[in-house]
Each structure stands twice: as C-alpha cells, then as structure tokens.
C-alpha cells in the first residue's frame, strides 16, 4: 500500500516537473519570437519640428586696415635688401609717430627676394658654322628685386585717409586692401546669435500652437553664417578727394553680422 502511494507521488512529481519545463520552454520561445520581430525595424522616434532663425546686427566699424608694398631693385642682394630696409624703416618711424602701435598692429604679410633677368640680343655671324646657327640671345642676370608687403591696423579710424597718403609719399607702392572691421567682434556675433535664437523660438511657439502640440525639449542646435559683410556706406564725410596732397575722406559704412540657426524640438 505504501509502495503504491509512493509511486503515485513520484509520478505526480514527474508530471509537475514536465509541465514546469514545458512552460519555461514556451516562455523562452515567445520571448525569442518577440525579439526577432524587432530586427530591421527602427526604434520609436520622438515627434519633432525643425525651425530656423536669423539675426542681423549692424555696427559702425572702429578699426581700419590697409596694406602696402615696398619694392626695391639693385645689382646685388645686399644692396636690394638694404634699400628696402631703409624705406621700410622710414615708413615704420612715421607710423609710430602717427600713433600706430607698430609692435601690435603692424605685420609683414610676405617678403620676396627674386633675381631679375634681361634678354640680351647677340650679334649673329653672317655664316653659321657647320650650318648651325646658335640662339640670337640669352637671359642675363642684371640684379635682384626685394618686395615686402606690410599690413597696418589703424585704431583711430579718422586717421585712415591721412596715413594712406603719407605712406605713399614715403615710397610705398601697391597701397590697397583698405577695409573696416570691429574690434569686439565676438560680442557682436553673440548679439546676432541671440537674435537668431529668439527668432527661431518665436517661430517654434507659433508652429506648435498651430499644430496643437507641446514643445518638450531641444533635440539639436546648429549655427551657420556669422560672418561680417560690408554694407550701407556712410557718405557724411564727403566724397573721395582726387588730389594726393589732400587726405581722402574714406566712407566707413557699417558692417553687417548675420547668424543663421537651426533648432530641432521634440514635441508631444
């Protein structure tokens, strides 16, 4: 009797173990099927809106920049370099007297030393030996040329015309590249960026209201532009003078700084 009871209990235990194992295997199988069902599918992405904004700031420049060159020729390298150095030193002395910080605001952009050649004609013989006539002439070294280009930053912008004339009177050539910029450029760029962000935020608020959604957070931000452009000339100073004896009045106009931003918002 006891033996029969023990057999029943044993069989019952085997059935329970079998059913538990089967349920575990079925659970593992269903989990595997669920995992494989996501293969090749993108995870759920938040709903977003993308808006852009533009900010512009106009600033009157407070710095003028110009460049000029000194070119000297001589028969030897030493003579050419000496002549160039003397002229450069004379101009540097003037710039210092004019209030320019030559250590900080004067810079050599390039310095070139090149040989100078001249094509010289050669007298031809009446009869070419062996029927071969040599070239009629050849390149002959006649000296050397030194060219040095200097850029100058003028912080007293009203002196730009006077300095422009003076460096020319002292032997500078190729005076060009006069431009106007802003000393505190970072602050102006930050102002333009703030206006661009404000513009984008207002657009996002209006768009979200029109769509009937709520802005949750910023997903990404990017900025482009923020480069100054020259515009709106100020002619209050008068027209350009044609006489080299009179310092020209140089209109400075205004520099325009533009920032373009793009902001992506998550919505719900």
C-alpha atoms as a PDB file:
ATOM      1  CA  UNK A   1       0.000   0.000   0.000  1.00  0.00           C
ATOM      2  CA  UNK A   2       2.766   2.365   0.977  1.00  0.00           C
ATOM      3  CA  UNK A   3       4.707   1.412  -2.113  1.00  0.00           C
ATOM      4  CA  UNK A   4       1.711   2.255  -4.332  1.00  0.00           C
ATOM      5  CA  UNK A   5       1.342   5.633  -2.652  1.00  0.00           C
ATOM      6  CA  UNK A   6       4.998   6.416  -3.170  1.00  0.00           C
ATOM      7  CA  UNK A   7       4.715   5.523  -6.863  1.00  0.00           C
ATOM      8  CA  UNK A   8       1.798   7.897  -7.302  1.00  0.00           C
ATOM      9  CA  UNK A   9       3.713  10.704  -5.627  1.00  0.00           C
ATOM     10  CA  UNK A  10       6.700  10.037  -7.852  1.00  0.00           C
ATOM     11  CA  UNK A  11       4.570  10.095 -10.992  1.00  0.00           C
ATOM     12  CA  UNK A  12       2.864  13.296  -9.830  1.00  0.00           C
ATOM     13  CA  UNK A  13       6.264  14.959  -9.289  1.00  0.00           C
ATOM     14  CA  UNK A  14       7.413  13.928 -12.742  1.00  0.00           C
ATOM     15  CA  UNK A  15       4.259  15.452 -14.257  1.00  0.00           C
ATOM     16  CA  UNK A  16       4.793  18.734 -12.384  1.00  0.00           C
ATOM     17  CA  UNK A  17       8.433  18.891 -13.484  1.00  0.00           C
ATOM     18  CA  UNK A  18       7.447  18.159 -17.064  1.00  0.00           C
ATOM     19  CA  UNK A  19       4.760  20.840 -17.087  1.00  0.00           C
ATOM     20  CA  UNK A  20       7.124  23.417 -15.496  1.00  0.00           C
ATOM     21  CA  UNK A  21       9.820  22.682 -18.072  1.00  0.00           C
ATOM     22  CA  UNK A  22       7.317  22.911 -20.902  1.00  0.00           C
ATOM     23  CA  UNK A  23       6.020  26.261 -19.675  1.00  0.00           C
ATOM     24  CA  UNK A  24       9.605  27.572 -19.368  1.00  0.00           C
ATOM     25  CA  UNK A  25      10.460  26.463 -22.894  1.00  0.00           C
ATOM     26  CA  UNK A  26       7.277  28.027 -24.269  1.00  0.00           C
ATOM     27  CA  UNK A  27       8.129  31.306 -22.485  1.00  0.00           C
ATOM     28  CA  UNK A  28      11.650  31.314 -23.923  1.00  0.00           C
ATOM     29  CA  UNK A  29      10.292  30.635 -27.391  1.00  0.00           C
ATOM     30  CA  UNK A  30       7.793  33.520 -27.175  1.00  0.00           C
ATOM     31  CA  UNK A  31      10.488  35.908 -25.947  1.00  0.00           C
ATOM     32  CA  UNK A  32      12.722  34.893 -28.835  1.00  0.00           C
ATOM     33  CA  UNK A  33       9.936  35.495 -31.331  1.00  0.00           C
ATOM     34  CA  UNK A  34       9.294  38.911 -29.786  1.00  0.00           C
ATOM     35  CA  UNK A  35      12.965  39.901 -30.036  1.00  0.00           C
ATOM     36  CA  UNK A  36      13.291  38.762 -33.646  1.00  0.00           C
ATOM     37  CA  UNK A  37      10.188  40.739 -34.576  1.00  0.00           C
ATOM     38  CA  UNK A  38      12.165  43.995 -33.993  1.00  0.00           C
ATOM     39  CA  UNK A  39      15.028  43.080 -36.314  1.00  0.00           C
ATOM     40  CA  UNK A  40      15.202  45.549 -39.230  1.00  0.00           C
ATOM     41  CA  UNK A  41      12.772  47.950 -37.609  1.00  0.00           C
ATOM     42  CA  UNK A  42      13.681  51.441 -36.328  1.00  0.00           C
ATOM     43  CA  UNK A  43      13.119  52.141 -32.657  1.00  0.00           C
ATOM     44  CA  UNK A  44      10.321  54.505 -31.859  1.00  0.00           C
ATOM     45  CA  UNK A  45      11.432  58.071 -32.692  1.00  0.00           C
ATOM     46  CA  UNK A  46      10.068  61.152 -30.944  1.00  0.00           C
ATOM     47  CA  UNK A  47       7.943  63.579 -32.900  1.00  0.00           C
ATOM     48  CA  UNK A  48       9.929  66.694 -33.808  1.00  0.00           C
ATOM     49  CA  UNK A  49       9.688  70.046 -35.522  1.00  0.00           C
ATOM     50  CA  UNK A  50      12.593  71.872 -37.154  1.00  0.00           C
ATOM     51  CA  UNK A  51      12.695  75.676 -37.207  1.00  0.00           C
ATOM     52  CA  UNK A  52      15.275  78.199 -38.375  1.00  0.00           C
ATOM     53  CA  UNK A  53      16.034  81.710 -37.221  1.00  0.00           C
ATOM     54  CA  UNK A  54      18.040  84.677 -38.488  1.00  0.00           C
ATOM     55  CA  UNK A  55      19.639  87.506 -36.570  1.00  0.00           C
ATOM     56  CA  UNK A  56      21.302  90.612 -38.011  1.00  0.00           C
ATOM     57  CA  UNK A  57      23.337  93.303 -36.282  1.00  0.00           C
ATOM     58  CA  UNK A  58      24.671  96.462 -37.954  1.00  0.00           C
ATOM     59  CA  UNK A  59      27.745  98.001 -36.334  1.00  0.00           C
ATOM     60  CA  UNK A  60      29.811 101.004 -37.357  1.00  0.00           C
ATOM     61  CA  UNK A  61      33.446  99.814 -37.679  1.00  0.00           C
ATOM     62  CA  UNK A  62      36.068 101.133 -35.305  1.00  0.00           C
ATOM     63  CA  UNK A  63      39.218  99.742 -36.992  1.00  0.00           C
ATOM     64  CA  UNK A  64      40.666 100.389 -40.455  1.00  0.00           C
ATOM     65  CA  UNK A  65      43.162  98.037 -42.093  1.00  0.00           C
ATOM     66  CA  UNK A  66      45.301  98.684 -45.140  1.00  0.00           C
ATOM     67  CA  UNK A  67      48.251  97.036 -46.858  1.00  0.00           C
ATOM     68  CA  UNK A  68      51.133  98.382 -48.909  1.00  0.00           C
ATOM     69  CA  UNK A  69      54.334  97.139 -50.518  1.00  0.00           C
ATOM     70  CA  UNK A  70      57.879  98.415 -50.827  1.00  0.00           C
ATOM     71  CA  UNK A  71      59.749  97.204 -53.911  1.00  0.00           C
ATOM     72  CA  UNK A  72      63.457  97.878 -54.451  1.00  0.00           C
ATOM     73  CA  UNK A  73      65.899  96.718 -57.146  1.00  0.00           C
ATOM     74  CA  UNK A  74      69.717  96.615 -57.061  1.00  0.00           C
ATOM     75  CA  UNK A  75      72.601  94.765 -58.675  1.00  0.00           C
ATOM     76  CA  UNK A  76      73.355  92.692 -55.575  1.00  0.00           C
ATOM     77  CA  UNK A  77      71.212  91.015 -52.945  1.00  0.00           C
ATOM     78  CA  UNK A  78      72.766  93.095 -50.171  1.00  0.00           C
ATOM     79  CA  UNK A  79      72.110  96.387 -51.947  1.00  0.00           C
ATOM     80  CA  UNK A  80      68.485  95.448 -52.699  1.00  0.00           C
ATOM     81  CA  UNK A  81      67.806  94.347 -49.130  1.00  0.00           C
ATOM     82  CA  UNK A  82      69.465  97.460 -47.699  1.00  0.00           C
ATOM     83  CA  UNK A  83      67.438  99.802 -49.898  1.00  0.00           C
ATOM     84  CA  UNK A  84      64.205  98.007 -48.959  1.00  0.00           C
ATOM     85  CA  UNK A  85      65.038  98.031 -45.242  1.00  0.00           C
ATOM     86  CA  UNK A  86      65.789 101.770 -45.270  1.00  0.00           C
ATOM     87  CA  UNK A  87      62.456 102.577 -46.881  1.00  0.00           C
ATOM     88  CA  UNK A  88      60.511 100.229 -44.585  1.00  0.00           C
ATOM     89  CA  UNK A  89      62.215 101.718 -41.511  1.00  0.00           C
ATOM     90  CA  UNK A  90      61.295 105.227 -42.663  1.00  0.00           C
ATOM     91  CA  UNK A  91      57.627 104.231 -43.022  1.00  0.00           C
ATOM     92  CA  UNK A  92      57.675 102.430 -39.660  1.00  0.00           C
ATOM     93  CA  UNK A  93      59.032 105.552 -37.973  1.00  0.00           C
ATOM     94  CA  UNK A  94      56.203 107.617 -39.454  1.00  0.00           C
ATOM     95  CA  UNK A  95      53.554 105.095 -38.372  1.00  0.00           C
ATOM     96  CA  UNK A  96      54.914 105.186 -34.832  1.00  0.00           C
ATOM     97  CA  UNK A  97      54.769 108.995 -34.826  1.00  0.00           C
ATOM     98  CA  UNK A  98      51.183 108.781 -36.098  1.00  0.00           C
ATOM     99  CA  UNK A  99      50.186 106.808 -33.011  1.00  0.00           C
ATOM    100  CA  UNK A 100      50.244 103.302 -34.503  1.00  0.00           C
ATOM    101  CA  UNK A 101      51.408 100.548 -32.142  1.00  0.00           C
ATOM    102  CA  UNK A 102      53.960  99.051 -34.549  1.00  0.00           C
ATOM    103  CA  UNK A 103      54.650  96.099 -32.249  1.00  0.00           C
ATOM    104  CA  UNK A 104      50.997  95.091 -32.133  1.00  0.00           C
ATOM    105  CA  UNK A 105      49.242  96.483 -35.198  1.00  0.00           C
ATOM    106  CA  UNK A 106      51.850  96.265 -37.980  1.00  0.00           C
ATOM    107  CA  UNK A 107      52.604  92.924 -39.611  1.00  0.00           C
ATOM    108  CA  UNK A 108      54.674  91.693 -42.559  1.00  0.00           C
ATOM    109  CA  UNK A 109      52.389  89.680 -44.839  1.00  0.00           C
ATOM    110  CA  UNK A 110      55.124  88.450 -47.193  1.00  0.00           C
ATOM    111  CA  UNK A 111      58.745  89.063 -48.142  1.00  0.00           C
ATOM    112  CA  UNK A 112      60.167  88.098 -51.527  1.00  0.00           C
ATOM    113  CA  UNK A 113      63.679  88.210 -52.975  1.00  0.00           C
ATOM    114  CA  UNK A 114      63.883  87.386 -56.686  1.00  0.00           C
ATOM    115  CA  UNK A 115      66.608  87.596 -59.325  1.00  0.00           C
ATOM    116  CA  UNK A 116      65.998  89.933 -62.253  1.00  0.00           C
ATOM    117  CA  UNK A 117      66.876  88.789 -65.772  1.00  0.00           C
ATOM    118  CA  UNK A 118      67.081  90.612 -69.058  1.00  0.00           C
ATOM    119  CA  UNK A 119      67.048  89.099 -72.521  1.00  0.00           C
ATOM    120  CA  UNK A 120      70.088  90.392 -74.403  1.00  0.00           C
ATOM    121  CA  UNK A 121      70.333  90.196 -78.188  1.00  0.00           C
ATOM    122  CA  UNK A 122      73.502  88.667 -79.598  1.00  0.00           C
ATOM    123  CA  UNK A 123      75.142  89.727 -82.870  1.00  0.00           C
ATOM    124  CA  UNK A 124      74.713  86.982 -85.461  1.00  0.00           C
ATOM    125  CA  UNK A 125      77.542  85.835 -87.703  1.00  0.00           C
ATOM    126  CA  UNK A 126      76.940  86.206 -91.406  1.00  0.00           C
ATOM    127  CA  UNK A 127      77.567  82.498 -91.960  1.00  0.00           C
ATOM    128  CA  UNK A 128      76.555  79.875 -89.410  1.00  0.00           C
ATOM    129  CA  UNK A 129      79.363  77.317 -88.822  1.00  0.00           C
ATOM    130  CA  UNK A 130      78.502  73.810 -89.969  1.00  0.00           C
ATOM    131  CA  UNK A 131      75.036  75.052 -90.908  1.00  0.00           C
ATOM    132  CA  UNK A 132      74.006  75.540 -87.274  1.00  0.00           C
ATOM    133  CA  UNK A 133      73.018  78.976 -86.030  1.00  0.00           C
ATOM    134  CA  UNK A 134      73.083  79.428 -82.204  1.00  0.00           C
ATOM    135  CA  UNK A 135      70.264  81.302 -80.463  1.00  0.00           C
ATOM    136  CA  UNK A 136      70.147  85.016 -81.142  1.00  0.00           C
ATOM    137  CA  UNK A 137      70.286  85.987 -77.449  1.00  0.00           C
ATOM    138  CA  UNK A 138      70.159  84.784 -73.852  1.00  0.00           C
ATOM    139  CA  UNK A 139      68.833  85.657 -70.420  1.00  0.00           C
ATOM    140  CA  UNK A 140      71.358  87.643 -68.386  1.00  0.00           C
ATOM    141  CA  UNK A 141      71.193  88.276 -64.639  1.00  0.00           C
ATOM    142  CA  UNK A 142      71.069  92.036 -64.128  1.00  0.00           C
ATOM    143  CA  UNK A 143      70.180  92.311 -60.433  1.00  0.00           C
ATOM    144  CA  UNK A 144      67.760  91.431 -57.679  1.00  0.00           C
ATOM    145  CA  UNK A 145      64.344  92.638 -56.529  1.00  0.00           C
ATOM    146  CA  UNK A 146      63.122  92.729 -52.928  1.00  0.00           C
ATOM    147  CA  UNK A 147      59.408  93.070 -52.254  1.00  0.00           C
ATOM    148  CA  UNK A 148      57.910  93.375 -48.779  1.00  0.00           C
ATOM    149  CA  UNK A 149      54.181  93.697 -48.087  1.00  0.00           C
ATOM    150  CA  UNK A 150      53.008  95.236 -44.811  1.00  0.00           C
ATOM    151  CA  UNK A 151      49.539  95.344 -43.252  1.00  0.00           C
ATOM    152  CA  UNK A 152      48.596  98.097 -40.792  1.00  0.00           C
ATOM    153  CA  UNK A 153      45.717  98.211 -38.338  1.00  0.00           C
ATOM    154  CA  UNK A 154      44.545 101.781 -37.671  1.00  0.00           C
ATOM    155  CA  UNK A 155      42.580 102.121 -34.433  1.00  0.00           C
ATOM    156  CA  UNK A 156      41.982 105.866 -34.860  1.00  0.00           C
ATOM    157  CA  UNK A 157      39.765 105.315 -37.857  1.00  0.00           C
ATOM    158  CA  UNK A 158      39.571 109.024 -38.726  1.00  0.00           C
ATOM    159  CA  UNK A 159      43.331 108.962 -39.444  1.00  0.00           C
ATOM    160  CA  UNK A 160      42.993 106.330 -42.197  1.00  0.00           C
ATOM    161  CA  UNK A 161      42.966 108.841 -45.061  1.00  0.00           C
ATOM    162  CA  UNK A 162      45.954 110.785 -43.727  1.00  0.00           C
ATOM    163  CA  UNK A 163      48.023 107.622 -43.208  1.00  0.00           C
ATOM    164  CA  UNK A 164      47.028 106.327 -46.632  1.00  0.00           C
ATOM    165  CA  UNK A 165      48.526 109.415 -48.290  1.00  0.00           C
ATOM    166  CA  UNK A 166      51.614 109.549 -46.063  1.00  0.00           C
ATOM    167  CA  UNK A 167      52.839 106.002 -46.727  1.00  0.00           C
ATOM    168  CA  UNK A 168      52.504 106.679 -50.453  1.00  0.00           C
ATOM    169  CA  UNK A 169      54.554 109.863 -50.155  1.00  0.00           C
ATOM    170  CA  UNK A 170      57.266 107.901 -48.385  1.00  0.00           C
ATOM    171  CA  UNK A 171      57.723 105.424 -51.233  1.00  0.00           C
ATOM    172  CA  UNK A 172      55.193 102.691 -50.603  1.00  0.00           C
ATOM    173  CA  UNK A 173      53.549 101.147 -53.659  1.00  0.00           C
ATOM    174  CA  UNK A 174      50.546  98.907 -54.286  1.00  0.00           C
ATOM    175  CA  UNK A 175      48.592 100.564 -51.483  1.00  0.00           C
ATOM    176  CA  UNK A 176      45.392  98.551 -51.356  1.00  0.00           C
ATOM    177  CA  UNK A 177      43.125  96.349 -49.356  1.00  0.00           C
ATOM    178  CA  UNK A 178      41.703  99.048 -47.102  1.00  0.00           C
ATOM    179  CA  UNK A 179      38.883  97.537 -45.086  1.00  0.00           C
ATOM    180  CA  UNK A 180      36.934  98.277 -41.930  1.00  0.00           C
ATOM    181  CA  UNK A 181      36.222  95.919 -39.062  1.00  0.00           C
ATOM    182  CA  UNK A 182      35.024  95.772 -35.472  1.00  0.00           C
ATOM    183  CA  UNK A 183      37.436  95.263 -32.607  1.00  0.00           C
ATOM    184  CA  UNK A 184      34.970  93.478 -30.276  1.00  0.00           C
ATOM    185  CA  UNK A 185      33.725  91.091 -32.951  1.00  0.00           C
ATOM    186  CA  UNK A 186      32.888  88.244 -30.537  1.00  0.00           C
ATOM    187  CA  UNK A 187      30.383  90.382 -28.650  1.00  0.00           C
ATOM    188  CA  UNK A 188      28.674  91.475 -31.878  1.00  0.00           C
ATOM    189  CA  UNK A 189      28.480  87.888 -33.137  1.00  0.00           C
ATOM    190  CA  UNK A 190      26.939  86.807 -29.814  1.00  0.00           C
ATOM    191  CA  UNK A 191      24.312  89.542 -30.182  1.00  0.00           C
ATOM    192  CA  UNK A 192      23.433  88.337 -33.699  1.00  0.00           C
ATOM    193  CA  UNK A 193      23.232  84.733 -32.440  1.00  0.00           C
ATOM    194  CA  UNK A 194      20.909  85.700 -29.590  1.00  0.00           C
ATOM    195  CA  UNK A 195      18.577  87.433 -32.048  1.00  0.00           C
ATOM    196  CA  UNK A 196      18.602  84.379 -34.329  1.00  0.00           C
ATOM    197  CA  UNK A 197      17.729  82.054 -31.424  1.00  0.00           C
ATOM    198  CA  UNK A 198      14.929  84.353 -30.331  1.00  0.00           C
ATOM    199  CA  UNK A 199      13.591  84.369 -33.897  1.00  0.00           C
ATOM    200  CA  UNK A 200      13.638  80.550 -34.009  1.00  0.00           C
ATOM    201  CA  UNK A 201      11.953  80.247 -30.598  1.00  0.00           C
ATOM    202  CA  UNK A 202       9.113  82.536 -31.651  1.00  0.00           C
ATOM    203  CA  UNK A 203       8.601  80.525 -34.846  1.00  0.00           C
ATOM    204  CA  UNK A 204       8.569  77.260 -32.868  1.00  0.00           C
ATOM    205  CA  UNK A 205       5.996  78.635 -30.433  1.00  0.00           C
ATOM    206  CA  UNK A 206       3.690  79.757 -33.239  1.00  0.00           C
ATOM    207  CA  UNK A 207       4.108  76.478 -35.126  1.00  0.00           C
ATOM    208  CA  UNK A 208       3.419  74.364 -32.039  1.00  0.00           C
ATOM    209  CA  UNK A 209       0.264  76.362 -31.358  1.00  0.00           C
ATOM    210  CA  UNK A 210      -0.925  75.905 -34.928  1.00  0.00           C
ATOM    211  CA  UNK A 211      -0.315  72.154 -34.760  1.00  0.00           C
ATOM    212  CA  UNK A 212      -1.870  71.784 -31.326  1.00  0.00           C
ATOM    213  CA  UNK A 213       1.236  70.208 -29.814  1.00  0.00           C
ATOM    214  CA  UNK A 214       3.503  70.949 -26.849  1.00  0.00           C
ATOM    215  CA  UNK A 215       7.241  71.615 -27.051  1.00  0.00           C
ATOM    216  CA  UNK A 216       9.143  69.216 -24.771  1.00  0.00           C
ATOM    217  CA  UNK A 217      12.824  69.975 -25.232  1.00  0.00           C
ATOM    218  CA  UNK A 218      15.567  70.924 -27.716  1.00  0.00           C
ATOM    219  CA  UNK A 219      16.933  67.922 -29.618  1.00  0.00           C
ATOM    220  CA  UNK A 220      19.702  69.668 -31.588  1.00  0.00           C
ATOM    221  CA  UNK A 221      21.099  73.098 -32.428  1.00  0.00           C
ATOM    222  CA  UNK A 222      23.325  74.305 -35.266  1.00  0.00           C
ATOM    223  CA  UNK A 223      24.566  77.677 -36.472  1.00  0.00           C
ATOM    224  CA  UNK A 224      25.915  78.982 -39.768  1.00  0.00           C
ATOM    225  CA  UNK A 225      26.886  82.339 -41.157  1.00  0.00           C
ATOM    226  CA  UNK A 226      28.006  84.846 -38.524  1.00  0.00           C
ATOM    227  CA  UNK A 227      30.389  86.474 -40.994  1.00  0.00           C
ATOM    228  CA  UNK A 228      30.510  90.273 -41.306  1.00  0.00           C
ATOM    229  CA  UNK A 229      29.620  91.879 -44.613  1.00  0.00           C
ATOM    230  CA  UNK A 230      30.222  95.454 -45.695  1.00  0.00           C
ATOM    231  CA  UNK A 231      27.126  97.493 -46.440  1.00  0.00           C
ATOM    232  CA  UNK A 232      25.361 100.860 -46.195  1.00  0.00           C
ATOM    233  CA  UNK A 233      28.105 103.386 -46.900  1.00  0.00           C
ATOM    234  CA  UNK A 234      28.137 106.491 -44.735  1.00  0.00           C
ATOM    235  CA  UNK A 235      28.754 109.460 -47.035  1.00  0.00           C
ATOM    236  CA  UNK A 236      28.632 112.048 -44.242  1.00  0.00           C
ATOM    237  CA  UNK A 237      32.382 112.512 -44.503  1.00  0.00           C
ATOM    238  CA  UNK A 238      32.210 113.717 -48.083  1.00  0.00           C
ATOM    239  CA  UNK A 239      33.327 112.339 -51.423  1.00  0.00           C
ATOM    240  CA  UNK A 240      36.749 110.886 -52.148  1.00  0.00           C
ATOM    241  CA  UNK A 241      39.383 113.549 -52.845  1.00  0.00           C
ATOM    242  CA  UNK A 242      41.334 113.247 -56.078  1.00  0.00           C
ATOM    243  CA  UNK A 243      44.386 115.249 -55.046  1.00  0.00           C
ATOM    244  CA  UNK A 244      47.243 113.314 -53.424  1.00  0.00           C
ATOM    245  CA  UNK A 245      48.067 116.474 -51.432  1.00  0.00           C
ATOM    246  CA  UNK A 246      44.800 116.227 -49.501  1.00  0.00           C
ATOM    247  CA  UNK A 247      43.952 113.321 -47.254  1.00  0.00           C
ATOM    248  CA  UNK A 248      40.980 111.489 -48.812  1.00  0.00           C
ATOM    249  CA  UNK A 249      37.763 111.148 -46.867  1.00  0.00           C
ATOM    250  CA  UNK A 250      37.042 107.419 -46.725  1.00  0.00           C
ATOM    251  CA  UNK A 251      33.434 106.353 -46.039  1.00  0.00           C
ATOM    252  CA  UNK A 252      33.343 103.545 -43.487  1.00  0.00           C
ATOM    253  CA  UNK A 253      29.728 102.441 -43.795  1.00  0.00           C
ATOM    254  CA  UNK A 254      28.513  99.704 -41.451  1.00  0.00           C
ATOM    255  CA  UNK A 255      29.426  96.052 -41.039  1.00  0.00           C
ATOM    256  CA  UNK A 256      26.530  93.613 -41.006  1.00  0.00           C
ATOM    257  CA  UNK A 257      26.869  90.492 -38.856  1.00  0.00           C
ATOM    258  CA  UNK A 258      24.443  87.685 -39.681  1.00  0.00           C
ATOM    259  CA  UNK A 259      23.735  84.493 -37.734  1.00  0.00           C
ATOM    260  CA  UNK A 260      21.559  81.658 -39.032  1.00  0.00           C
ATOM    261  CA  UNK A 261      20.483  78.980 -36.558  1.00  0.00           C
ATOM    262  CA  UNK A 262      18.524  75.745 -36.866  1.00  0.00           C
ATOM    263  CA  UNK A 263      16.799  74.227 -33.821  1.00  0.00           C
ATOM    264  CA  UNK A 264      15.047  70.847 -33.637  1.00  0.00           C
ATOM    265  CA  UNK A 265      12.424  70.492 -30.871  1.00  0.00           C
ATOM    266  CA  UNK A 266      10.797  67.335 -29.541  1.00  0.00           C
ATOM    267  CA  UNK A 267       7.018  67.694 -29.334  1.00  0.00           C
ATOM    268  CA  UNK A 268       4.139  65.748 -27.892  1.00  0.00           C
END
